[in-house]
Amino acid sequence: MEEMQRVREERDPLVRVRLATTAVSRYQDAISELGVIRRDAVEELRGQGLTLTEIAEQAGVSRARLSQVGAPRPKAERGLLSTGNGVIIAVPVESAAYPGHDATRPVIHREDAEFVHRISVLAQSYGLTAETEYVGQSEFIDMNRDGLIVTCGPRQSPWLEQLLTGDPNYGFGRDTTGWYLEDKSTGERHRSPQDRGETADFGYLGVLPRPDGDGGWIYAAGIHASGSRGAAMYLQEHIKDLYEETRNSLWSCLVRCDYAPDSGDLLSAEILAPVKRRGRLKPRKAS
């Protein structure tokens, strides 16, 4: 092929890297598209009453190959959410009194409900189930589960603050002024714009190790509840990029989100402090 020959003959190694990367991406896209076309053709033939064996014989390919066509492989970034069949979304729940009564009822913030919705939609788009787990203040969570995604902040679950001390890059802190997110490498403190009356908040997003060493779990929490849903939005919109940048690694970043002043609807989510990796994620043990 002329393009391959041109890449091979390029003398500058940096240019070769760029040319080869561009070509690989283009060919992978073409292969994916051809796979879809082939799968649709197989389904069309099956709709006409042909079996896989008959299609294989007439097309001159093996039945095993056609069976693979009929069962497309999950996208790689799905593994960032879960290596199993579903996710477990742990959200904080608080007690609030019924109007005019002493009795209380469990409630969650509107922002946390939106967090659950965003993560559920994301998980389901990859063929995963989504289960919600409600966590009371100071209650412990079983961290040794596949597909766990936690949004409880350290103010709701102080013990989570201890788990975050294992991240040498980012974490939560608190002083007489209030809570903040810190870049531990520079000492820079990021205080929520919401505390200044602005319609924006900051959040932490990353993968932390399970206590049993068998994989990791996603932690997404804001200085306020808005920052948590902002982290969920960023994960929704950038999961493929995050996977490619951090695959099989522990990592974390800080996210900024902006929301509408009247409705409170999220407008955008973007990186506040860059993604930093900190070692390989230990693979899950075979069960």
C-alpha atoms as a PDB file:
ATOM      1  CA  MET A   1       0.000   0.000   0.000  1.00  0.00           C
ATOM      2  CA  GLU A   2       1.295   3.418  -0.975  1.00  0.00           C
ATOM      3  CA  GLU A   3       0.489   5.051   2.363  1.00  0.00           C
ATOM      4  CA  MET A   4       2.252   2.330   4.349  1.00  0.00           C
ATOM      5  CA  GLN A   5       5.282   2.597   2.097  1.00  0.00           C
ATOM      6  CA  ARG A   6       5.320   6.374   2.546  1.00  0.00           C
ATOM      7  CA  VAL A   7       5.200   6.013   6.339  1.00  0.00           C
ATOM      8  CA  ARG A   8       7.922   3.361   6.290  1.00  0.00           C
ATOM      9  CA  GLU A   9      10.230   5.529   4.194  1.00  0.00           C
ATOM     10  CA  GLU A  10       9.831   8.663   6.333  1.00  0.00           C
ATOM     11  CA  ARG A  11      13.233   9.341   7.919  1.00  0.00           C
ATOM     12  CA  ASP A  12      12.114  11.589  10.782  1.00  0.00           C
ATOM     13  CA  PRO A  13      10.915   9.248  13.603  1.00  0.00           C
ATOM     14  CA  LEU A  14       8.566  11.874  15.076  1.00  0.00           C
ATOM     15  CA  VAL A  15       6.912  12.359  11.707  1.00  0.00           C
ATOM     16  CA  ARG A  16       6.697   8.561  11.341  1.00  0.00           C
ATOM     17  CA  VAL A  17       4.905   8.380  14.692  1.00  0.00           C
ATOM     18  CA  ARG A  18       2.387  11.036  13.635  1.00  0.00           C
ATOM     19  CA  LEU A  19       1.797   9.519  10.199  1.00  0.00           C
ATOM     20  CA  ALA A  20       1.453   5.994  11.571  1.00  0.00           C
ATOM     21  CA  THR A  21      -0.913   7.107  14.339  1.00  0.00           C
ATOM     22  CA  THR A  22      -3.124   8.949  11.867  1.00  0.00           C
ATOM     23  CA  ALA A  23      -3.170   5.970   9.510  1.00  0.00           C
ATOM     24  CA  VAL A  24      -3.950   3.466  12.269  1.00  0.00           C
ATOM     25  CA  SER A  25      -6.844   5.622  13.499  1.00  0.00           C
ATOM     26  CA  ARG A  26      -8.245   5.942   9.974  1.00  0.00           C
ATOM     27  CA  TYR A  27      -7.967   2.204   9.279  1.00  0.00           C
ATOM     28  CA  GLN A  28      -9.500   1.308  12.647  1.00  0.00           C
ATOM     29  CA  ASP A  29     -12.473   3.537  11.873  1.00  0.00           C
ATOM     30  CA  ALA A  30     -12.804   1.895   8.457  1.00  0.00           C
ATOM     31  CA  ILE A  31     -12.575  -1.592   9.974  1.00  0.00           C
ATOM     32  CA  SER A  32     -15.251  -0.703  12.530  1.00  0.00           C
ATOM     33  CA  GLU A  33     -17.529   0.625   9.796  1.00  0.00           C
ATOM     34  CA  LEU A  34     -16.984  -2.467   7.650  1.00  0.00           C
ATOM     35  CA  GLY A  35     -17.775  -4.614  10.669  1.00  0.00           C
ATOM     36  CA  VAL A  36     -21.092  -2.821  11.109  1.00  0.00           C
ATOM     37  CA  ILE A  37     -21.889  -3.227   7.398  1.00  0.00           C
ATOM     38  CA  ARG A  38     -21.076  -6.933   7.553  1.00  0.00           C
ATOM     39  CA  ARG A  39     -23.117  -7.436  10.721  1.00  0.00           C
ATOM     40  CA  ASP A  40     -26.111  -5.643   9.181  1.00  0.00           C
ATOM     41  CA  ALA A  41     -25.827  -7.821   6.070  1.00  0.00           C
ATOM     42  CA  VAL A  42     -25.795 -10.981   8.180  1.00  0.00           C
ATOM     43  CA  GLU A  43     -28.868  -9.806  10.092  1.00  0.00           C
ATOM     44  CA  GLU A  44     -30.623  -9.006   6.810  1.00  0.00           C
ATOM     45  CA  LEU A  45     -29.925 -12.506   5.503  1.00  0.00           C
ATOM     46  CA  ARG A  46     -31.097 -14.062   8.747  1.00  0.00           C
ATOM     47  CA  GLY A  47     -34.267 -12.015   8.416  1.00  0.00           C
ATOM     48  CA  GLN A  48     -34.781 -13.724   5.054  1.00  0.00           C
ATOM     49  CA  GLY A  49     -34.749 -17.079   6.820  1.00  0.00           C
ATOM     50  CA  LEU A  50     -31.147 -18.189   6.288  1.00  0.00           C
ATOM     51  CA  THR A  51     -29.243 -19.794   9.131  1.00  0.00           C
ATOM     52  CA  LEU A  52     -25.678 -18.839  10.063  1.00  0.00           C
ATOM     53  CA  THR A  53     -24.478 -22.127   8.594  1.00  0.00           C
ATOM     54  CA  GLU A  54     -26.194 -21.417   5.270  1.00  0.00           C
ATOM     55  CA  ILE A  55     -24.851 -17.854   5.177  1.00  0.00           C
ATOM     56  CA  ALA A  56     -21.338 -19.094   5.940  1.00  0.00           C
ATOM     57  CA  GLU A  57     -21.460 -21.726   3.193  1.00  0.00           C
ATOM     58  CA  GLN A  58     -22.766 -19.302   0.562  1.00  0.00           C
ATOM     59  CA  ALA A  59     -20.404 -16.469   1.575  1.00  0.00           C
ATOM     60  CA  GLY A  60     -17.385 -18.744   1.779  1.00  0.00           C
ATOM     61  CA  VAL A  61     -16.497 -17.927   5.385  1.00  0.00           C
ATOM     62  CA  SER A  62     -16.480 -20.004   8.552  1.00  0.00           C
ATOM     63  CA  ARG A  63     -19.537 -20.206  10.776  1.00  0.00           C
ATOM     64  CA  ALA A  64     -17.363 -19.362  13.789  1.00  0.00           C
ATOM     65  CA  ARG A  65     -16.386 -16.068  12.175  1.00  0.00           C
ATOM     66  CA  LEU A  66     -20.024 -15.194  11.531  1.00  0.00           C
ATOM     67  CA  SER A  67     -20.895 -16.027  15.137  1.00  0.00           C
ATOM     68  CA  GLN A  68     -18.327 -13.444  16.219  1.00  0.00           C
ATOM     69  CA  VAL A  69     -19.889 -10.937  13.853  1.00  0.00           C
ATOM     70  CA  GLY A  70     -23.252 -11.446  15.507  1.00  0.00           C
ATOM     71  CA  ALA A  71     -21.840 -10.671  18.936  1.00  0.00           C
ATOM     72  CA  PRO A  72     -19.912  -7.384  18.800  1.00  0.00           C
ATOM     73  CA  ARG A  73     -17.231  -6.927  21.463  1.00  0.00           C
ATOM     74  CA  PRO A  74     -17.926  -4.381  24.205  1.00  0.00           C
ATOM     75  CA  LYS A  75     -16.107  -1.094  23.818  1.00  0.00           C
ATOM     76  CA  ALA A  76     -12.842  -1.019  25.744  1.00  0.00           C
ATOM     77  CA  GLU A  77     -13.748   2.041  27.831  1.00  0.00           C
ATOM     78  CA  ARG A  78     -16.615   0.054  29.359  1.00  0.00           C
ATOM     79  CA  GLY A  79     -13.963  -1.459  31.622  1.00  0.00           C
ATOM     80  CA  LEU A  80     -13.439   1.912  33.294  1.00  0.00           C
ATOM     81  CA  LEU A  81     -16.919   1.570  34.784  1.00  0.00           C
ATOM     82  CA  SER A  82     -17.011  -2.164  35.473  1.00  0.00           C
ATOM     83  CA  THR A  83     -15.356  -5.436  34.541  1.00  0.00           C
ATOM     84  CA  GLY A  84     -18.590  -7.251  35.361  1.00  0.00           C
ATOM     85  CA  ASN A  85     -22.194  -6.793  34.312  1.00  0.00           C
ATOM     86  CA  GLY A  86     -23.156  -3.644  36.181  1.00  0.00           C
ATOM     87  CA  VAL A  87     -22.306  -0.662  38.357  1.00  0.00           C
ATOM     88  CA  ILE A  88     -23.232   0.210  41.933  1.00  0.00           C
ATOM     89  CA  ILE A  89     -23.770   3.936  42.504  1.00  0.00           C
ATOM     90  CA  ALA A  90     -23.339   4.940  46.153  1.00  0.00           C
ATOM     91  CA  VAL A  91     -24.948   8.299  47.006  1.00  0.00           C
ATOM     92  CA  PRO A  92     -25.386  10.107  50.337  1.00  0.00           C
ATOM     93  CA  VAL A  93     -28.798  10.199  51.983  1.00  0.00           C
ATOM     94  CA  GLU A  94     -29.877  12.555  54.762  1.00  0.00           C
ATOM     95  CA  SER A  95     -32.813  12.649  57.157  1.00  0.00           C
ATOM     96  CA  ALA A  96     -35.341  15.459  56.848  1.00  0.00           C
ATOM     97  CA  ALA A  97     -38.521  16.110  58.795  1.00  0.00           C
ATOM     98  CA  TYR A  98     -41.927  15.842  57.182  1.00  0.00           C
ATOM     99  CA  PRO A  99     -43.564  19.278  56.970  1.00  0.00           C
ATOM    100  CA  GLY A 100     -45.384  19.894  60.252  1.00  0.00           C
ATOM    101  CA  HIS A 101     -44.285  16.573  61.802  1.00  0.00           C
ATOM    102  CA  ASP A 102     -41.477  15.311  64.010  1.00  0.00           C
ATOM    103  CA  ALA A 103     -41.026  12.150  61.949  1.00  0.00           C
ATOM    104  CA  THR A 104     -38.162  12.134  59.468  1.00  0.00           C
ATOM    105  CA  ARG A 105     -37.677  10.608  56.050  1.00  0.00           C
ATOM    106  CA  PRO A 106     -34.583   9.857  53.968  1.00  0.00           C
ATOM    107  CA  VAL A 107     -33.877  12.375  51.200  1.00  0.00           C
ATOM    108  CA  ILE A 108     -31.150  12.961  48.642  1.00  0.00           C
ATOM    109  CA  HIS A 109     -30.129  16.214  47.032  1.00  0.00           C
ATOM    110  CA  ARG A 110     -31.454  17.020  43.582  1.00  0.00           C
ATOM    111  CA  GLU A 111     -27.844  17.161  42.395  1.00  0.00           C
ATOM    112  CA  ASP A 112     -27.157  13.640  43.691  1.00  0.00           C
ATOM    113  CA  ALA A 113     -30.282  12.354  41.937  1.00  0.00           C
ATOM    114  CA  GLU A 114     -28.912  13.874  38.740  1.00  0.00           C
ATOM    115  CA  PHE A 115     -25.570  12.186  39.429  1.00  0.00           C
ATOM    116  CA  VAL A 116     -27.329   8.817  39.653  1.00  0.00           C
ATOM    117  CA  HIS A 117     -29.219   9.505  36.432  1.00  0.00           C
ATOM    118  CA  ARG A 118     -26.116  10.509  34.493  1.00  0.00           C
ATOM    119  CA  ILE A 119     -24.071   7.519  35.632  1.00  0.00           C
ATOM    120  CA  SER A 120     -26.996   5.138  35.041  1.00  0.00           C
ATOM    121  CA  VAL A 121     -27.466   6.399  31.484  1.00  0.00           C
ATOM    122  CA  LEU A 122     -23.723   6.103  30.860  1.00  0.00           C
ATOM    123  CA  ALA A 123     -23.590   2.556  32.245  1.00  0.00           C
ATOM    124  CA  GLN A 124     -26.635   1.436  30.275  1.00  0.00           C
ATOM    125  CA  SER A 125     -25.129   2.810  27.064  1.00  0.00           C
ATOM    126  CA  TYR A 126     -22.412   0.170  27.532  1.00  0.00           C
ATOM    127  CA  GLY A 127     -24.875  -2.618  28.290  1.00  0.00           C
ATOM    128  CA  LEU A 128     -24.348  -2.457  32.063  1.00  0.00           C
ATOM    129  CA  THR A 129     -27.007  -2.549  34.749  1.00  0.00           C
ATOM    130  CA  ALA A 130     -27.108   0.268  37.313  1.00  0.00           C
ATOM    131  CA  GLU A 131     -27.968  -0.200  40.989  1.00  0.00           C
ATOM    132  CA  THR A 132     -28.281   2.685  43.458  1.00  0.00           C
ATOM    133  CA  GLU A 133     -27.101   2.317  47.055  1.00  0.00           C
ATOM    134  CA  TYR A 134     -28.055   4.975  49.608  1.00  0.00           C
ATOM    135  CA  VAL A 135     -25.469   5.762  52.271  1.00  0.00           C
ATOM    136  CA  GLY A 136     -26.359   7.463  55.552  1.00  0.00           C
ATOM    137  CA  GLN A 137     -24.051   9.955  57.204  1.00  0.00           C
ATOM    138  CA  SER A 138     -20.898   8.265  58.565  1.00  0.00           C
ATOM    139  CA  GLU A 139     -22.077   4.848  57.304  1.00  0.00           C
ATOM    140  CA  PHE A 140     -19.387   2.625  55.841  1.00  0.00           C
ATOM    141  CA  ILE A 141     -19.430   1.329  52.270  1.00  0.00           C
ATOM    142  CA  ASP A 142     -18.132  -2.056  51.157  1.00  0.00           C
ATOM    143  CA  MET A 143     -15.387  -0.867  48.823  1.00  0.00           C
ATOM    144  CA  ASN A 144     -14.395  -4.363  47.672  1.00  0.00           C
ATOM    145  CA  ARG A 145     -16.970  -4.641  44.888  1.00  0.00           C
ATOM    146  CA  ASP A 146     -16.650  -4.465  41.142  1.00  0.00           C
ATOM    147  CA  GLY A 147     -18.282  -1.538  39.380  1.00  0.00           C
ATOM    148  CA  LEU A 148     -18.471   0.677  42.477  1.00  0.00           C
ATOM    149  CA  ILE A 149     -18.923   4.423  41.858  1.00  0.00           C
ATOM    150  CA  VAL A 150     -19.077   6.618  44.964  1.00  0.00           C
ATOM    151  CA  THR A 151     -20.153  10.257  45.204  1.00  0.00           C
ATOM    152  CA  CYS A 152     -20.285  10.808  48.979  1.00  0.00           C
ATOM    153  CA  GLY A 153     -18.095  13.755  49.946  1.00  0.00           C
ATOM    154  CA  PRO A 154     -15.851  13.737  53.032  1.00  0.00           C
ATOM    155  CA  ARG A 155     -18.292  15.980  54.885  1.00  0.00           C
ATOM    156  CA  GLN A 156     -20.935  13.202  54.668  1.00  0.00           C
ATOM    157  CA  SER A 157     -18.515  10.296  55.178  1.00  0.00           C
ATOM    158  CA  PRO A 158     -15.357  11.417  57.029  1.00  0.00           C
ATOM    159  CA  TRP A 159     -13.735   7.991  56.629  1.00  0.00           C
ATOM    160  CA  LEU A 160     -13.585   8.602  52.870  1.00  0.00           C
ATOM    161  CA  GLU A 161     -11.162  11.416  53.638  1.00  0.00           C
ATOM    162  CA  GLN A 162      -8.773   8.790  54.988  1.00  0.00           C
ATOM    163  CA  LEU A 163      -8.965   6.791  51.759  1.00  0.00           C
ATOM    164  CA  LEU A 164      -8.125   9.927  49.776  1.00  0.00           C
ATOM    165  CA  THR A 165      -4.874  10.415  51.677  1.00  0.00           C
ATOM    166  CA  GLY A 166      -3.476   7.632  49.482  1.00  0.00           C
ATOM    167  CA  ASP A 167      -3.706   9.928  46.455  1.00  0.00           C
ATOM    168  CA  PRO A 168      -0.435  11.920  46.336  1.00  0.00           C
ATOM    169  CA  ASN A 169      -1.787  14.285  43.683  1.00  0.00           C
ATOM    170  CA  TYR A 170      -5.198  15.636  44.683  1.00  0.00           C
ATOM    171  CA  GLY A 171      -7.506  15.630  47.673  1.00  0.00           C
ATOM    172  CA  PHE A 172      -9.942  17.493  49.888  1.00  0.00           C
ATOM    173  CA  GLY A 173      -8.929  19.816  52.703  1.00  0.00           C
ATOM    174  CA  ARG A 174     -10.643  22.038  55.224  1.00  0.00           C
ATOM    175  CA  ASP A 175      -9.700  25.113  57.248  1.00  0.00           C
ATOM    176  CA  THR A 176     -11.522  27.897  59.058  1.00  0.00           C
ATOM    177  CA  THR A 177     -12.752  29.246  55.715  1.00  0.00           C
ATOM    178  CA  GLY A 178     -14.289  25.948  54.595  1.00  0.00           C
ATOM    179  CA  TRP A 179     -13.664  22.997  52.282  1.00  0.00           C
ATOM    180  CA  TYR A 180     -11.365  23.116  49.279  1.00  0.00           C
ATOM    181  CA  LEU A 181      -9.682  20.819  46.758  1.00  0.00           C
ATOM    182  CA  GLU A 182      -5.894  20.768  46.810  1.00  0.00           C
ATOM    183  CA  ASP A 183      -3.187  20.055  44.268  1.00  0.00           C
ATOM    184  CA  LYS A 184      -0.795  18.306  46.632  1.00  0.00           C
ATOM    185  CA  SER A 185       2.203  18.667  44.324  1.00  0.00           C
ATOM    186  CA  THR A 186       1.983  22.474  44.245  1.00  0.00           C
ATOM    187  CA  GLY A 187       0.006  23.203  47.393  1.00  0.00           C
ATOM    188  CA  GLU A 188      -2.536  25.186  45.379  1.00  0.00           C
ATOM    189  CA  ARG A 189      -5.970  25.281  46.980  1.00  0.00           C
ATOM    190  CA  HIS A 190      -9.081  25.456  44.824  1.00  0.00           C
ATOM    191  CA  ARG A 191     -12.024  26.954  46.702  1.00  0.00           C
ATOM    192  CA  SER A 192     -15.487  26.592  45.233  1.00  0.00           C
ATOM    193  CA  PRO A 193     -16.787  29.593  43.259  1.00  0.00           C
ATOM    194  CA  GLN A 194     -20.165  28.672  44.743  1.00  0.00           C
ATOM    195  CA  ASP A 195     -18.894  29.916  48.116  1.00  0.00           C
ATOM    196  CA  ARG A 196     -18.417  33.333  46.491  1.00  0.00           C
ATOM    197  CA  GLY A 197     -21.949  33.378  45.118  1.00  0.00           C
ATOM    198  CA  GLU A 198     -20.978  32.224  41.619  1.00  0.00           C
ATOM    199  CA  THR A 199     -22.829  29.523  39.677  1.00  0.00           C
ATOM    200  CA  ALA A 200     -19.926  27.073  39.514  1.00  0.00           C
ATOM    201  CA  ASP A 201     -18.322  24.366  41.629  1.00  0.00           C
ATOM    202  CA  PHE A 202     -15.261  22.105  41.671  1.00  0.00           C
ATOM    203  CA  GLY A 203     -15.095  18.321  41.964  1.00  0.00           C
ATOM    204  CA  TYR A 204     -12.683  15.411  42.316  1.00  0.00           C
ATOM    205  CA  LEU A 205     -12.772  12.539  39.812  1.00  0.00           C
ATOM    206  CA  GLY A 206     -10.542   9.490  39.822  1.00  0.00           C
ATOM    207  CA  VAL A 207      -9.965   5.783  40.325  1.00  0.00           C
ATOM    208  CA  LEU A 208      -8.794   4.642  43.769  1.00  0.00           C
ATOM    209  CA  PRO A 209      -7.564   1.160  44.779  1.00  0.00           C
ATOM    210  CA  ARG A 210      -9.863  -1.304  46.478  1.00  0.00           C
ATOM    211  CA  PRO A 211      -8.755  -2.181  50.028  1.00  0.00           C
ATOM    212  CA  ASP A 212      -8.410  -5.846  49.030  1.00  0.00           C
ATOM    213  CA  GLY A 213      -6.098  -4.925  46.137  1.00  0.00           C
ATOM    214  CA  ASP A 214      -8.458  -6.522  43.627  1.00  0.00           C
ATOM    215  CA  GLY A 215      -9.055  -3.676  41.183  1.00  0.00           C
ATOM    216  CA  GLY A 216     -10.327  -0.151  41.769  1.00  0.00           C
ATOM    217  CA  TRP A 217     -13.403   2.027  42.206  1.00  0.00           C
ATOM    218  CA  ILE A 218     -14.443   5.412  40.862  1.00  0.00           C
ATOM    219  CA  TYR A 219     -14.711   8.356  43.221  1.00  0.00           C
ATOM    220  CA  ALA A 220     -16.518  11.489  42.020  1.00  0.00           C
ATOM    221  CA  ALA A 221     -17.332  14.136  44.607  1.00  0.00           C
ATOM    222  CA  GLY A 222     -17.629  17.905  44.698  1.00  0.00           C
ATOM    223  CA  ILE A 223     -16.948  20.545  47.294  1.00  0.00           C
ATOM    224  CA  HIS A 224     -20.710  20.958  47.041  1.00  0.00           C
ATOM    225  CA  ALA A 225     -23.263  18.628  45.452  1.00  0.00           C
ATOM    226  CA  SER A 226     -23.037  20.521  42.159  1.00  0.00           C
ATOM    227  CA  GLY A 227     -19.394  19.529  41.787  1.00  0.00           C
ATOM    228  CA  SER A 228     -20.346  15.863  42.028  1.00  0.00           C
ATOM    229  CA  ARG A 229     -22.765  16.022  39.120  1.00  0.00           C
ATOM    230  CA  GLY A 230     -20.174  18.058  37.211  1.00  0.00           C
ATOM    231  CA  ALA A 231     -17.716  15.193  37.657  1.00  0.00           C
ATOM    232  CA  ALA A 232     -20.403  12.814  36.374  1.00  0.00           C
ATOM    233  CA  MET A 233     -20.952  15.014  33.322  1.00  0.00           C
ATOM    234  CA  TYR A 234     -17.230  15.095  32.593  1.00  0.00           C
ATOM    235  CA  LEU A 235     -17.034  11.299  32.888  1.00  0.00           C
ATOM    236  CA  GLN A 236     -20.025  10.986  30.545  1.00  0.00           C
ATOM    237  CA  GLU A 237     -18.532  13.229  27.902  1.00  0.00           C
ATOM    238  CA  HIS A 238     -14.903  12.098  28.107  1.00  0.00           C
ATOM    239  CA  ILE A 239     -14.961   8.433  29.181  1.00  0.00           C
ATOM    240  CA  LYS A 240     -13.202   7.247  26.028  1.00  0.00           C
ATOM    241  CA  ASP A 241     -10.420   9.818  26.355  1.00  0.00           C
ATOM    242  CA  LEU A 242     -10.049   9.091  30.069  1.00  0.00           C
ATOM    243  CA  TYR A 243      -9.780   5.364  29.405  1.00  0.00           C
ATOM    244  CA  GLU A 244      -7.189   5.797  26.676  1.00  0.00           C
ATOM    245  CA  GLU A 245      -5.143   8.152  28.848  1.00  0.00           C
ATOM    246  CA  THR A 246      -5.304   6.136  32.059  1.00  0.00           C
ATOM    247  CA  ARG A 247      -6.011   2.509  31.115  1.00  0.00           C
ATOM    248  CA  ASN A 248      -5.154   0.071  33.909  1.00  0.00           C
ATOM    249  CA  SER A 249      -3.866   2.907  36.112  1.00  0.00           C
ATOM    250  CA  LEU A 250      -4.862   4.663  39.299  1.00  0.00           C
ATOM    251  CA  TRP A 251      -5.541   8.292  38.435  1.00  0.00           C
ATOM    252  CA  SER A 252      -7.294  11.482  39.449  1.00  0.00           C
ATOM    253  CA  CYS A 253      -8.126  14.976  38.219  1.00  0.00           C
ATOM    254  CA  LEU A 254     -10.090  18.032  39.292  1.00  0.00           C
ATOM    255  CA  VAL A 255     -13.144  19.226  37.373  1.00  0.00           C
ATOM    256  CA  ARG A 256     -14.949  22.561  37.157  1.00  0.00           C
ATOM    257  CA  CYS A 257     -18.640  22.740  36.300  1.00  0.00           C
ATOM    258  CA  ASP A 258     -20.882  25.715  35.563  1.00  0.00           C
ATOM    259  CA  TYR A 259     -24.649  25.760  35.938  1.00  0.00           C
ATOM    260  CA  ALA A 260     -27.527  28.080  35.076  1.00  0.00           C
ATOM    261  CA  PRO A 261     -28.302  30.654  37.803  1.00  0.00           C
ATOM    262  CA  ASP A 262     -32.081  30.247  37.609  1.00  0.00           C
ATOM    263  CA  SER A 263     -32.735  26.577  36.848  1.00  0.00           C
ATOM    264  CA  GLY A 264     -29.515  25.137  38.256  1.00  0.00           C
ATOM    265  CA  ASP A 265     -29.132  23.029  35.112  1.00  0.00           C
ATOM    266  CA  LEU A 266     -25.571  22.042  34.276  1.00  0.00           C
ATOM    267  CA  LEU A 267     -24.081  23.997  31.401  1.00  0.00           C
ATOM    268  CA  SER A 268     -20.582  22.555  31.106  1.00  0.00           C
ATOM    269  CA  ALA A 269     -17.876  20.494  32.770  1.00  0.00           C
ATOM    270  CA  GLU A 270     -14.177  20.881  32.062  1.00  0.00           C
ATOM    271  CA  ILE A 271     -10.783  20.038  33.511  1.00  0.00           C
ATOM    272  CA  LEU A 272      -9.628  22.278  36.362  1.00  0.00           C
ATOM    273  CA  ALA A 273      -6.409  20.380  37.128  1.00  0.00           C
ATOM    274  CA  PRO A 274      -5.033  17.739  34.728  1.00  0.00           C
ATOM    275  CA  VAL A 275      -5.328  13.981  34.895  1.00  0.00           C
ATOM    276  CA  LYS A 276      -2.405  12.471  36.815  1.00  0.00           C
ATOM    277  CA  ARG A 277      -1.590   8.778  36.955  1.00  0.00           C
ATOM    278  CA  ARG A 278       0.076   7.186  39.957  1.00  0.00           C
ATOM    279  CA  GLY A 279       0.913   3.573  39.223  1.00  0.00           C
ATOM    280  CA  ARG A 280      -0.711   0.549  37.695  1.00  0.00           C
ATOM    281  CA  LEU A 281      -4.083  -0.738  38.781  1.00  0.00           C
ATOM    282  CA  LYS A 282      -3.719  -4.305  39.988  1.00  0.00           C
ATOM    283  CA  PRO A 283      -5.761  -6.657  37.784  1.00  0.00           C
ATOM    284  CA  ARG A 284      -8.752  -8.378  39.314  1.00  0.00           C
ATOM    285  CA  LYS A 285      -8.110 -11.870  40.572  1.00  0.00           C
ATOM    286  CA  ALA A 286      -9.869 -14.692  38.807  1.00  0.00           C
ATOM    287  CA  SER A 287     -12.928 -15.827  40.748  1.00  0.00           C
END
